Amino acid sequence: MKTVASRKFSMNGLPLLASGQSTQPLVAADNLWMHSKVYSRGGENALHAHVTEDHAFFVLAGSAEFTFGDGDTVEAGRYEGVM
């Protein structure tokens, strides 16, 4: 197994968008990678799943409602998130 050095990354300065979306790589290792994907109001509305990936979502401004496959919904506010 290859050892990867520690890497610092920041989410400071991610854009708040009036429309569309933005994707930026943050950090990567052999078995883990992170990128930011910023959505404008409305976000990604199609319920879907990734069987080989875990996702975490966080709110930069305002609030967002997340709906899960079992019908459960969670509302997250600024600087909150779900996984």
Protein backbone atom coordinates (compact mmCIF):
# COMPACT_ATOMS: atom_id res chain seq x y z
CA MET A 1 0.00 0.00 0.00
CA LYS A 2 1.33 3.41 -0.98
CA THR A 3 1.50 6.02 1.79
CA VAL A 4 0.24 9.46 0.86
CA ALA A 5 1.53 12.54 2.68
CA SER A 6 -0.90 14.68 4.64
CA ARG A 7 -2.41 17.47 2.59
CA LYS A 8 -4.15 20.60 3.68
CA PHE A 9 -7.18 21.82 1.73
CA SER A 10 -9.66 24.63 2.14
CA MET A 11 -13.28 25.18 1.22
CA ASN A 12 -12.92 28.90 1.94
CA GLY A 13 -13.80 30.89 -1.14
CA LEU A 14 -16.12 28.33 -2.76
CA PRO A 15 -18.46 30.28 -5.03
CA LEU A 16 -22.08 31.00 -4.13
CA LEU A 17 -23.87 30.74 -7.45
CA ALA A 18 -26.89 32.54 -8.89
CA SER A 19 -27.29 29.75 -11.46
CA GLY A 20 -25.67 26.50 -12.57
CA GLN A 21 -23.02 24.54 -10.68
CA SER A 22 -19.28 24.46 -10.05
CA THR A 23 -16.98 21.48 -9.36
CA GLN A 24 -13.47 21.84 -7.92
CA PRO A 25 -11.05 19.08 -6.81
CA LEU A 26 -9.93 19.47 -3.19
CA VAL A 27 -7.61 16.53 -2.33
CA ALA A 28 -6.91 12.93 -3.47
CA ALA A 29 -5.22 9.76 -2.19
CA ASP A 30 -5.14 6.14 -3.39
CA ASN A 31 -8.58 5.20 -2.04
CA LEU A 32 -10.18 8.52 -1.21
CA TRP A 33 -10.83 11.72 -3.07
CA MET A 34 -12.78 14.87 -2.29
CA HIS A 35 -14.13 17.55 -4.50
CA SER A 36 -16.61 20.34 -3.99
CA LYS A 37 -19.68 20.57 -6.14
CA VAL A 38 -21.55 23.82 -5.54
CA TYR A 39 -25.12 24.11 -6.81
CA SER A 40 -27.27 27.17 -7.19
CA ARG A 41 -30.83 27.23 -5.84
CA GLY A 42 -32.65 24.02 -6.73
CA GLY A 43 -29.50 21.87 -6.75
CA GLU A 44 -29.48 18.30 -7.96
CA ASN A 45 -33.06 17.12 -7.64
CA ALA A 46 -32.95 13.60 -9.10
CA LEU A 47 -32.88 10.88 -6.41
CA HIS A 48 -30.04 8.49 -7.24
CA ALA A 49 -27.45 6.26 -5.57
CA HIS A 50 -23.77 5.40 -5.94
CA VAL A 51 -23.09 1.84 -4.74
CA THR A 52 -19.29 2.26 -4.65
CA GLU A 53 -19.09 5.78 -3.18
CA ASP A 54 -20.04 7.58 0.03
CA HIS A 55 -21.20 11.18 -0.29
CA ALA A 56 -21.36 14.02 2.20
CA PHE A 57 -23.31 17.21 1.51
CA PHE A 58 -22.98 20.52 3.33
CA VAL A 59 -24.78 23.83 3.07
CA LEU A 60 -22.78 27.04 2.49
CA ALA A 61 -25.71 29.46 2.70
CA GLY A 62 -29.45 29.23 3.28
CA SER A 63 -30.87 25.75 3.78
CA ALA A 64 -31.41 22.53 1.85
CA GLU A 65 -33.82 19.64 2.19
CA PHE A 66 -32.39 16.16 1.53
CA THR A 67 -34.68 13.22 0.70
CA PHE A 68 -33.42 9.66 1.10
CA GLY A 69 -34.45 6.41 -0.58
CA ASP A 70 -36.58 5.35 2.40
CA GLY A 71 -38.61 8.58 2.12
CA ASP A 72 -36.96 10.21 5.15
CA THR A 73 -36.16 13.92 4.75
CA VAL A 74 -33.67 16.09 6.62
CA GLU A 75 -33.28 19.86 6.45
CA ALA A 76 -29.77 21.24 6.91
CA GLY A 77 -28.93 24.89 7.49
CA ARG A 78 -25.80 26.96 6.90
CA TYR A 79 -22.62 25.01 7.76
CA GLU A 80 -24.62 21.83 8.44
CA GLY A 81 -24.65 18.70 6.31
CA VAL A 82 -25.64 15.07 5.82
CA MET A 83 -23.82 11.90 4.84
